[in-house]
Amino acid sequence: MRKYFGTDGIRGKVGCFPITPDFALRLGYAAGKVLAAHSKKPSVIIGKDTRLSGYLFESSLEAGFAYAGVDVYMAGPIPTPAIAYLTKTLRLSAGVVISASHNPYYDNGIKFFSANGTKLADNIELEIEQVLEQEMTVANKLGKVIRLNDARGRYIEFCKSTFPSNLDLKGLKIVLDCANGATYDVAPHVFKELGADVIKLACKPDGININENCGSMHPEELVANIKEHSADFGIAFDGDGDRVIIADRNGELLNGDKLIYLIVKSYEALGNRLPGVVGTVMTNMAMELALKEQGYEFVRAKVGDRYVVEELLKRNWLVGGEASGHLLCLDKHTTGDGIISALQVLAGIVILNQQPHEVIDWQDYPQTMINVRFTDKEFDWQSAARDAIMEVETELNGKGRVIVRASGTEALVRVMVEAKDAQLAQSCAEKIAQTIKG
């Protein structure tokens, strides 16, 4: 079992262990030692989102890596998927991102990418945790630190290259909500250079306004601006740019499930019919049934984009993702990328010449999600909820689903019930949540 790493790196409140500068220093050193053991000339790239605390952890990680003898490239504020891309294209040993994704500014986190641009394997994270317990000793040759000044330009061109070269976005008015986060200086360039008329929203980060009433978690302003400017679409990213939601001209929000479906239809329109799609245990049952009716296979992975990637690679498939907006197109990028995912959706819409609601020919099954917070780390929520879960499954009688799981990044249990009847889903979810609360 990993002690510090969760489903998406290490995350928490700034100033509370392990999200402290001294821990980041030791983490950089430990990761550096592990990388040095696997590479003759280890080197890493460090990027961050726009949180004020990013400066602290950037400096600490830089020092830790250099002390371990690892060369460090500094990319500054840049989307998480850009670091995955740059790690691979620059032939580096690993990439590091300082971000807490969609969390408030007072949280932060650290996550790693392998040399292939994918999330680190569990065994490598375990190796790093083991070295964390060891004493720091200076390397025979200290690492150097290099500022990568063209990081954003490289990534902008990469994003544009994933859009069909015979298409453009001319004639489309798009509201871009960058969550005052890592996409603020990248996404507008990408969409403008492909021809779209771009209206920028939440593109003025000040270090503390990241995700504050904006971005994919708070789309109210996005919807309001679509209507105000008579825009064709609204696109909202999270703080580090690896997830996306899209709204149509009527302000109707399209979550990850619907965007995956649009991407599948986009590939089909381009003459590349996919064999199957990977979702997660949280994917709406209605999408699963719609895909199967059209001859697509569908597989559910555990929650977390790293597990979706594992399933895709195992089957040699290309497309999958989560309802939250973490979407994967493995023929375009090695990891979830909000900008690239949005481009694939728009490519399909341009080719099909249809509005999203004309392409998405199914309705969501109602889902009720309740988050139950707890403070006792030893709390056995599984035992507390077991009987209630069995009762609910009996009540649903195969006409719905129950998912109860612990969050990988927060001290809470997520209770989800899905059923054709909304009131039934609500009452069943409340029954389980109340049992966990005691």
Protein backbone atom coordinates (compact mmCIF):
# COMPACT_ATOMS: atom_id res chain seq x y z
CA MET A 1 0.00 0.00 0.00
CA ARG A 2 1.24 3.47 -0.89
CA LYS A 3 1.52 5.84 2.05
CA TYR A 4 1.52 9.22 0.27
CA PHE A 5 0.48 8.68 -3.36
CA GLY A 6 -3.24 8.56 -4.13
CA THR A 7 -5.02 7.94 -7.42
CA ASP A 8 -3.55 11.14 -8.87
CA GLY A 9 -0.33 11.93 -7.06
CA ILE A 10 -0.04 13.54 -3.64
CA ARG A 11 -2.56 16.22 -2.71
CA GLY A 12 -3.71 18.17 0.35
CA LYS A 13 -3.89 21.52 2.10
CA VAL A 14 -0.81 23.71 1.85
CA GLY A 15 1.10 23.79 5.13
CA CYS A 16 -0.37 20.51 6.34
CA PHE A 17 1.85 17.48 5.96
CA PRO A 18 2.72 16.25 3.38
CA ILE A 19 2.01 19.42 1.37
CA THR A 20 4.95 21.32 2.86
CA PRO A 21 8.16 22.66 1.27
CA ASP A 22 10.40 20.35 3.32
CA PHE A 23 8.46 17.28 2.20
CA ALA A 24 8.60 18.49 -1.42
CA LEU A 25 12.38 18.79 -1.08
CA ARG A 26 12.64 15.21 0.15
CA LEU A 27 10.18 14.02 -2.51
CA GLY A 28 12.26 15.61 -5.26
CA TYR A 29 15.37 13.97 -3.86
CA ALA A 30 13.70 10.55 -3.49
CA ALA A 31 12.23 10.67 -7.00
CA GLY A 32 15.60 11.80 -8.30
CA LYS A 33 17.40 8.86 -6.69
CA VAL A 34 14.90 6.39 -8.14
CA LEU A 35 15.23 7.95 -11.60
CA ALA A 36 19.05 7.96 -11.32
CA ALA A 37 18.92 4.21 -10.68
CA HIS A 38 17.06 3.72 -13.98
CA SER A 39 18.88 6.23 -16.17
CA LYS A 40 22.51 7.13 -16.92
CA LYS A 41 21.67 10.81 -17.33
CA PRO A 42 18.40 11.51 -15.44
CA SER A 43 16.49 14.68 -16.23
CA VAL A 44 13.00 15.95 -15.41
CA ILE A 45 10.68 18.80 -16.31
CA ILE A 46 8.60 20.66 -13.71
CA GLY A 47 5.39 22.53 -14.51
CA LYS A 48 2.69 24.04 -12.32
CA ASP A 49 -0.73 25.65 -12.37
CA THR A 50 -1.35 29.22 -11.20
CA ARG A 51 -1.61 28.71 -7.42
CA LEU A 52 0.50 31.10 -5.37
CA SER A 53 1.98 28.20 -3.42
CA GLY A 54 3.38 26.76 -6.65
CA TYR A 55 6.48 28.91 -6.23
CA LEU A 56 7.27 27.23 -2.90
CA PHE A 57 7.01 23.68 -4.18
CA GLU A 58 8.68 24.47 -7.49
CA SER A 59 11.79 25.67 -5.67
CA SER A 60 11.76 22.77 -3.21
CA LEU A 61 11.39 20.10 -5.88
CA GLU A 62 14.05 21.75 -8.01
CA ALA A 63 16.51 21.69 -5.10
CA GLY A 64 15.69 18.07 -4.24
CA PHE A 65 16.22 16.83 -7.78
CA ALA A 66 19.46 18.81 -8.20
CA TYR A 67 20.77 17.45 -4.88
CA ALA A 68 20.14 13.93 -6.18
CA GLY A 69 22.10 14.69 -9.37
CA VAL A 70 19.12 15.17 -11.72
CA ASP A 71 18.97 17.95 -14.33
CA VAL A 72 15.76 19.99 -14.13
CA TYR A 73 13.86 21.85 -16.86
CA MET A 74 11.46 24.51 -15.56
CA ALA A 75 8.34 25.13 -17.66
CA GLY A 76 6.45 27.52 -15.36
CA PRO A 77 2.62 27.73 -15.43
CA ILE A 78 1.40 25.25 -18.04
CA PRO A 79 -1.36 22.62 -18.30
CA THR A 80 -0.71 19.20 -16.80
CA PRO A 81 -0.99 17.38 -20.17
CA ALA A 82 1.64 19.73 -21.60
CA ILE A 83 4.15 18.28 -19.13
CA ALA A 84 3.26 14.75 -20.27
CA TYR A 85 3.86 15.82 -23.88
CA LEU A 86 7.12 17.67 -23.18
CA THR A 87 8.49 14.82 -21.05
CA LYS A 88 8.10 12.44 -23.96
CA THR A 89 9.14 14.73 -26.80
CA LEU A 90 12.27 15.98 -24.96
CA ARG A 91 13.25 12.39 -24.03
CA LEU A 92 13.31 13.18 -20.33
CA SER A 93 13.24 10.67 -17.46
CA ALA A 94 10.05 12.05 -15.89
CA GLY A 95 7.69 14.99 -15.70
CA VAL A 96 6.40 16.64 -12.53
CA VAL A 97 3.28 18.77 -12.14
CA ILE A 98 2.52 20.98 -9.13
CA SER A 99 -1.26 21.24 -9.02
CA ALA A 100 -4.38 20.32 -7.06
CA SER A 101 -6.47 20.23 -10.24
CA HIS A 102 -10.05 21.41 -9.49
CA ASN A 103 -9.42 22.03 -5.76
CA PRO A 104 -9.37 25.56 -4.20
CA TYR A 105 -6.17 27.64 -4.19
CA TYR A 106 -5.26 26.70 -0.61
CA ASP A 107 -4.73 23.09 -1.69
CA ASN A 108 -1.86 21.86 -3.81
CA GLY A 109 -0.36 18.61 -4.97
CA ILE A 110 2.45 16.91 -6.86
CA LYS A 111 2.07 14.28 -9.56
CA PHE A 112 4.50 12.54 -11.89
CA PHE A 113 4.62 11.36 -15.49
CA SER A 114 6.89 8.63 -16.79
CA ALA A 115 9.29 9.02 -19.73
CA ASN A 116 6.46 7.77 -21.98
CA GLY A 117 4.12 10.57 -20.89
CA THR A 118 1.89 8.28 -18.80
CA LYS A 119 1.22 8.30 -15.05
CA LEU A 120 3.93 6.61 -12.99
CA ALA A 121 3.39 2.92 -12.32
CA ASP A 122 2.38 1.96 -8.78
CA ASN A 123 5.66 0.11 -8.19
CA ILE A 124 7.72 3.21 -9.06
CA GLU A 125 5.66 5.31 -6.64
CA LEU A 126 6.28 2.67 -3.97
CA GLU A 127 10.02 2.83 -4.72
CA ILE A 128 9.98 6.60 -4.27
CA GLU A 129 8.16 6.26 -0.94
CA GLN A 130 10.81 3.82 0.29
CA VAL A 131 13.63 6.26 -0.55
CA LEU A 132 11.69 9.02 1.25
CA GLU A 133 12.49 7.23 4.52
CA GLN A 134 16.23 7.29 3.83
CA GLU A 135 18.78 9.96 4.71
CA MET A 136 19.58 12.51 2.01
CA THR A 137 23.15 12.36 0.69
CA VAL A 138 24.58 14.66 -1.95
CA ALA A 139 25.17 13.21 -5.43
CA ASN A 140 28.68 13.04 -6.87
CA LYS A 141 27.56 15.49 -9.53
CA LEU A 142 24.77 17.98 -8.77
CA GLY A 143 22.01 18.51 -11.30
CA LYS A 144 21.63 21.64 -13.40
CA VAL A 145 18.50 23.79 -13.74
CA ILE A 146 17.37 25.06 -17.16
CA ARG A 147 14.46 27.39 -17.92
CA LEU A 148 12.43 26.08 -20.91
CA ASN A 149 11.26 29.35 -22.41
CA ASP A 150 9.37 27.91 -25.38
CA ALA A 151 7.32 25.34 -23.45
CA ARG A 152 3.95 27.00 -24.11
CA GLY A 153 4.62 27.53 -27.82
CA ARG A 154 5.62 23.90 -28.28
CA TYR A 155 2.43 22.73 -26.58
CA ILE A 156 0.16 25.11 -28.53
CA GLU A 157 1.46 23.69 -31.81
CA PHE A 158 1.04 20.14 -30.52
CA CYS A 159 -2.61 20.76 -29.61
CA LYS A 160 -3.35 22.27 -33.02
CA SER A 161 -1.72 19.28 -34.74
CA THR A 162 -4.41 16.96 -33.29
CA PHE A 163 -7.19 18.79 -35.18
CA PRO A 164 -7.80 17.55 -38.77
CA SER A 165 -5.61 19.58 -41.10
CA ASN A 166 -8.41 19.96 -43.66
CA LEU A 167 -10.79 21.54 -41.12
CA ASP A 168 -10.94 24.79 -39.17
CA LEU A 169 -13.15 26.52 -36.62
CA LYS A 170 -13.98 29.57 -38.70
CA GLY A 171 -17.48 30.85 -38.12
CA LEU A 172 -17.71 29.45 -34.60
CA LYS A 173 -17.97 31.76 -31.59
CA ILE A 174 -16.63 30.01 -28.49
CA VAL A 175 -16.57 31.09 -24.84
CA LEU A 176 -13.44 29.72 -23.15
CA ASP A 177 -13.44 29.48 -19.35
CA CYS A 178 -9.89 28.75 -18.27
CA ALA A 179 -10.66 28.64 -14.51
CA ASN A 180 -7.92 31.23 -13.87
CA GLY A 181 -5.69 28.20 -14.13
CA ALA A 182 -2.98 26.63 -16.22
CA THR A 183 -4.77 26.95 -19.60
CA TYR A 184 -5.20 30.73 -19.35
CA ASP A 185 -2.37 31.60 -21.76
CA VAL A 186 -2.56 28.49 -23.96
CA ALA A 187 -6.17 27.61 -24.78
CA PRO A 188 -7.15 31.01 -26.26
CA HIS A 189 -4.20 30.81 -28.69
CA VAL A 190 -5.10 27.28 -29.79
CA PHE A 191 -8.73 28.05 -30.62
CA LYS A 192 -8.03 31.48 -32.14
CA GLU A 193 -5.31 30.10 -34.40
CA LEU A 194 -7.72 27.42 -35.64
CA GLY A 195 -10.10 30.19 -36.68
CA ALA A 196 -12.61 30.50 -33.84
CA ASP A 197 -13.92 33.78 -32.48
CA VAL A 198 -12.88 33.43 -28.83
CA ILE A 199 -14.44 35.11 -25.80
CA LYS A 200 -12.11 34.70 -22.83
CA LEU A 201 -13.45 34.01 -19.35
CA ALA A 202 -11.47 33.50 -16.12
CA CYS A 203 -8.14 34.09 -17.87
CA LYS A 204 -6.66 36.49 -15.29
CA PRO A 205 -5.05 34.38 -12.56
CA ASP A 206 -3.82 36.14 -9.42
CA GLY A 207 -2.60 33.12 -7.48
CA ILE A 208 -5.73 32.66 -5.38
CA ASN A 209 -8.66 32.85 -7.82
CA ILE A 210 -8.00 29.49 -9.50
CA ASN A 211 -11.28 27.51 -9.75
CA GLU A 212 -13.06 30.26 -7.79
CA ASN A 213 -16.65 30.32 -9.12
CA CYS A 214 -15.33 29.40 -12.56
CA GLY A 215 -14.04 26.52 -14.63
CA SER A 216 -15.48 23.06 -15.12
CA MET A 217 -16.66 22.83 -11.50
CA HIS A 218 -18.61 26.11 -11.63
CA PRO A 219 -20.05 26.56 -15.14
CA GLU A 220 -22.68 29.16 -14.28
CA GLU A 221 -20.71 32.09 -15.76
CA LEU A 222 -19.88 30.02 -18.83
CA VAL A 223 -23.57 29.42 -19.51
CA ALA A 224 -24.43 33.09 -18.87
CA ASN A 225 -21.74 34.26 -21.31
CA ILE A 226 -22.88 31.85 -24.02
CA LYS A 227 -26.31 33.45 -23.88
CA GLU A 228 -24.99 37.01 -23.55
CA HIS A 229 -22.70 36.70 -26.59
CA SER A 230 -24.93 34.34 -28.62
CA ALA A 231 -21.99 31.95 -28.76
CA ASP A 232 -22.06 28.56 -30.47
CA PHE A 233 -20.28 26.73 -27.66
CA GLY A 234 -18.78 27.19 -24.24
CA ILE A 235 -15.72 25.24 -23.12
CA ALA A 236 -14.58 25.10 -19.50
CA PHE A 237 -11.39 23.55 -18.15
CA ASP A 238 -10.34 22.76 -14.61
CA GLY A 239 -7.38 24.36 -12.86
CA ASP A 240 -4.68 22.23 -14.47
CA GLY A 241 -6.35 21.66 -17.84
CA ASP A 242 -6.70 17.89 -17.91
CA ARG A 243 -10.51 17.86 -17.79
CA VAL A 244 -13.18 19.66 -19.77
CA ILE A 245 -16.92 20.23 -20.01
CA ILE A 246 -18.69 21.78 -22.98
CA ALA A 247 -22.01 23.61 -23.25
CA ASP A 248 -24.01 24.03 -26.47
CA ARG A 249 -25.55 27.26 -27.81
CA ASN A 250 -28.56 26.80 -25.49
CA GLY A 251 -26.33 26.53 -22.43
CA GLU A 252 -26.97 22.81 -21.98
CA LEU A 253 -23.97 21.22 -20.28
CA LEU A 254 -22.35 18.14 -21.76
CA ASN A 255 -20.48 16.06 -19.19
CA GLY A 256 -17.69 13.59 -19.89
CA ASP A 257 -20.04 10.74 -20.85
CA LYS A 258 -21.71 12.80 -23.57
CA LEU A 259 -18.38 14.16 -24.79
CA ILE A 260 -16.99 10.62 -25.07
CA TYR A 261 -20.03 9.70 -27.15
CA LEU A 262 -19.51 12.74 -29.40
CA ILE A 263 -15.84 11.80 -29.85
CA VAL A 264 -16.82 8.24 -30.81
CA LYS A 265 -19.22 9.63 -33.44
CA SER A 266 -16.52 12.05 -34.58
CA TYR A 267 -14.08 9.20 -35.19
CA GLU A 268 -16.82 7.31 -37.02
CA ALA A 269 -17.50 10.32 -39.26
CA LEU A 270 -13.79 10.50 -40.08
CA GLY A 271 -13.88 6.85 -41.18
CA ASN A 272 -12.24 5.45 -38.06
CA ARG A 273 -14.82 3.28 -36.35
CA LEU A 274 -13.61 2.24 -32.91
CA PRO A 275 -13.86 -1.34 -31.61
CA GLY A 276 -14.79 -0.28 -28.10
CA VAL A 277 -14.81 2.36 -25.38
CA VAL A 278 -13.59 2.37 -21.77
CA GLY A 279 -15.59 4.20 -19.12
CA THR A 280 -15.57 3.85 -15.35
CA VAL A 281 -17.89 2.52 -12.71
CA MET A 282 -19.40 6.03 -12.66
CA THR A 283 -20.27 6.11 -16.39
CA ASN A 284 -24.00 6.48 -16.98
CA MET A 285 -25.72 3.23 -17.89
CA ALA A 286 -27.64 4.95 -20.70
CA MET A 287 -24.43 5.65 -22.63
CA GLU A 288 -23.25 2.08 -22.17
CA LEU A 289 -26.51 0.74 -23.62
CA ALA A 290 -26.46 3.24 -26.52
CA LEU A 291 -22.93 2.20 -27.50
CA LYS A 292 -23.71 -1.50 -27.26
CA GLU A 293 -26.80 -1.08 -29.42
CA GLN A 294 -24.52 0.36 -32.12
CA GLY A 295 -22.09 -2.55 -31.92
CA TYR A 296 -19.41 -0.99 -29.72
CA GLU A 297 -17.92 -2.92 -26.84
CA PHE A 298 -17.93 -1.14 -23.49
CA VAL A 299 -15.73 -1.82 -20.46
CA ARG A 300 -15.78 -0.17 -17.03
CA ALA A 301 -12.53 0.65 -15.21
CA LYS A 302 -11.97 1.86 -11.66
CA VAL A 303 -12.35 5.62 -11.14
CA GLY A 304 -9.18 7.44 -12.12
CA ASP A 305 -7.83 8.22 -15.58
CA ARG A 306 -4.75 6.05 -14.94
CA TYR A 307 -7.03 3.00 -14.71
CA VAL A 308 -8.87 4.00 -17.89
CA VAL A 309 -5.50 4.18 -19.65
CA GLU A 310 -4.57 0.72 -18.35
CA GLU A 311 -7.77 -0.78 -19.78
CA LEU A 312 -7.32 1.00 -23.12
CA LEU A 313 -3.74 -0.21 -23.49
CA LYS A 314 -4.68 -3.76 -22.50
CA ARG A 315 -7.25 -3.89 -25.33
CA ASN A 316 -5.35 -1.71 -27.80
CA TRP A 317 -8.28 0.73 -27.86
CA LEU A 318 -8.10 4.50 -28.27
CA VAL A 319 -10.97 6.32 -26.57
CA GLY A 320 -12.29 6.38 -23.01
CA GLY A 321 -12.76 8.58 -20.01
CA GLU A 322 -14.77 9.68 -17.02
CA ALA A 323 -18.03 11.55 -16.54
CA SER A 324 -16.02 14.23 -14.71
CA GLY A 325 -14.45 15.30 -18.01
CA HIS A 326 -11.16 13.38 -17.94
CA LEU A 327 -11.16 12.13 -21.54
CA LEU A 328 -8.56 10.08 -23.39
CA CYS A 329 -7.78 9.84 -27.09
CA LEU A 330 -4.63 7.73 -27.10
CA ASP A 331 -3.95 8.30 -30.80
CA LYS A 332 -3.67 12.01 -29.97
CA HIS A 333 -2.02 12.07 -26.53
CA THR A 334 -0.78 9.73 -23.82
CA THR A 335 -2.91 11.27 -21.10
CA GLY A 336 -6.17 13.15 -20.52
CA ASP A 337 -6.07 16.59 -22.13
CA GLY A 338 -8.93 19.10 -21.89
CA ILE A 339 -7.91 21.17 -24.91
CA ILE A 340 -7.28 18.20 -27.19
CA SER A 341 -10.50 16.49 -26.10
CA ALA A 342 -12.49 19.63 -26.88
CA LEU A 343 -10.88 19.81 -30.32
CA GLN A 344 -11.94 16.23 -31.12
CA VAL A 345 -15.53 17.02 -30.12
CA LEU A 346 -15.56 20.15 -32.29
CA ALA A 347 -14.03 18.25 -35.21
CA GLY A 348 -16.94 15.82 -35.12
CA ILE A 349 -19.50 18.61 -34.90
CA VAL A 350 -17.93 20.39 -37.89
CA ILE A 351 -17.84 17.17 -39.95
CA LEU A 352 -21.35 16.03 -39.05
CA ASN A 353 -22.75 19.57 -39.33
CA GLN A 354 -25.07 18.78 -36.42
CA GLN A 355 -25.67 20.18 -32.98
CA PRO A 356 -24.68 17.96 -30.01
CA HIS A 357 -28.29 17.18 -29.07
CA GLU A 358 -28.85 15.86 -32.60
CA VAL A 359 -25.92 13.44 -32.25
CA ILE A 360 -26.53 12.28 -28.68
CA ASP A 361 -29.54 10.01 -29.13
CA TRP A 362 -30.00 8.90 -25.51
CA GLN A 363 -31.05 10.35 -22.17
CA ASP A 364 -29.11 9.95 -18.92
CA TYR A 365 -30.42 7.58 -16.31
CA PRO A 366 -30.90 9.67 -13.14
CA GLN A 367 -27.96 9.44 -10.74
CA THR A 368 -27.80 10.64 -7.16
CA MET A 369 -24.36 11.31 -5.72
CA ILE A 370 -23.84 12.03 -2.01
CA ASN A 371 -20.42 12.73 -0.47
CA VAL A 372 -20.07 11.66 3.15
CA ARG A 373 -17.11 13.26 4.92
CA PHE A 374 -15.30 11.66 7.85
CA THR A 375 -12.39 12.64 10.09
CA ASP A 376 -11.34 9.29 11.56
CA LYS A 377 -8.79 7.74 9.15
CA GLU A 378 -9.47 4.31 10.67
CA PHE A 379 -13.22 4.57 10.06
CA ASP A 380 -14.51 1.27 8.60
CA TRP A 381 -17.15 2.70 6.29
CA GLN A 382 -17.45 -0.58 4.36
CA SER A 383 -18.75 -2.47 7.38
CA ALA A 384 -21.06 0.41 8.25
CA ALA A 385 -22.60 0.48 4.78
CA ARG A 386 -22.68 -3.25 3.91
CA ASP A 387 -26.25 -4.07 5.01
CA ALA A 388 -27.71 -0.88 3.53
CA ILE A 389 -26.02 -1.55 0.18
CA MET A 390 -27.45 -5.08 0.07
CA GLU A 391 -30.94 -3.75 0.84
CA VAL A 392 -30.70 -1.13 -1.91
CA GLU A 393 -29.44 -3.62 -4.50
CA THR A 394 -32.37 -5.88 -3.67
CA GLU A 395 -34.75 -2.93 -4.05
CA LEU A 396 -33.28 -1.95 -7.45
CA ASN A 397 -33.62 -5.54 -8.64
CA GLY A 398 -31.22 -5.18 -11.57
CA LYS A 399 -32.77 -1.90 -12.78
CA GLY A 400 -30.00 0.29 -11.48
CA ARG A 401 -26.50 0.40 -10.03
CA VAL A 402 -24.91 1.17 -6.66
CA ILE A 403 -21.35 2.47 -6.32
CA VAL A 404 -19.90 3.28 -2.91
CA ARG A 405 -16.21 4.15 -2.80
CA ALA A 406 -13.65 6.15 -0.88
CA SER A 407 -12.22 9.24 -2.60
CA GLY A 408 -8.60 8.90 -3.62
CA THR A 409 -7.85 12.56 -2.84
CA GLU A 410 -10.18 13.60 0.02
CA ALA A 411 -11.40 12.17 3.35
CA LEU A 412 -14.85 11.24 2.13
CA VAL A 413 -16.93 8.36 0.84
CA ARG A 414 -18.82 8.83 -2.43
CA VAL A 415 -22.26 7.19 -2.62
CA MET A 416 -23.79 6.91 -6.09
CA VAL A 417 -27.08 5.28 -6.99
CA GLU A 418 -28.33 5.11 -10.57
CA ALA A 419 -31.85 4.06 -11.54
CA LYS A 420 -34.45 4.74 -14.22
CA ASP A 421 -36.59 6.39 -11.55
CA ALA A 422 -35.03 9.56 -10.08
CA GLN A 423 -36.91 9.39 -6.78
CA LEU A 424 -35.82 5.80 -6.27
CA ALA A 425 -32.18 6.72 -6.90
CA GLN A 426 -32.44 9.60 -4.41
CA SER A 427 -34.06 7.59 -1.61
CA CYS A 428 -31.63 4.68 -2.03
CA ALA A 429 -28.57 6.94 -1.97
CA GLU A 430 -29.82 8.75 1.13
CA LYS A 431 -30.39 5.41 2.89
CA ILE A 432 -26.77 4.34 2.34
CA ALA A 433 -25.32 7.77 3.18
CA GLN A 434 -27.30 7.98 6.40
CA THR A 435 -26.03 4.55 7.44
CA ILE A 436 -22.40 5.66 6.91
CA LYS A 437 -22.99 8.89 8.85
CA GLY A 438 -24.45 6.85 11.70
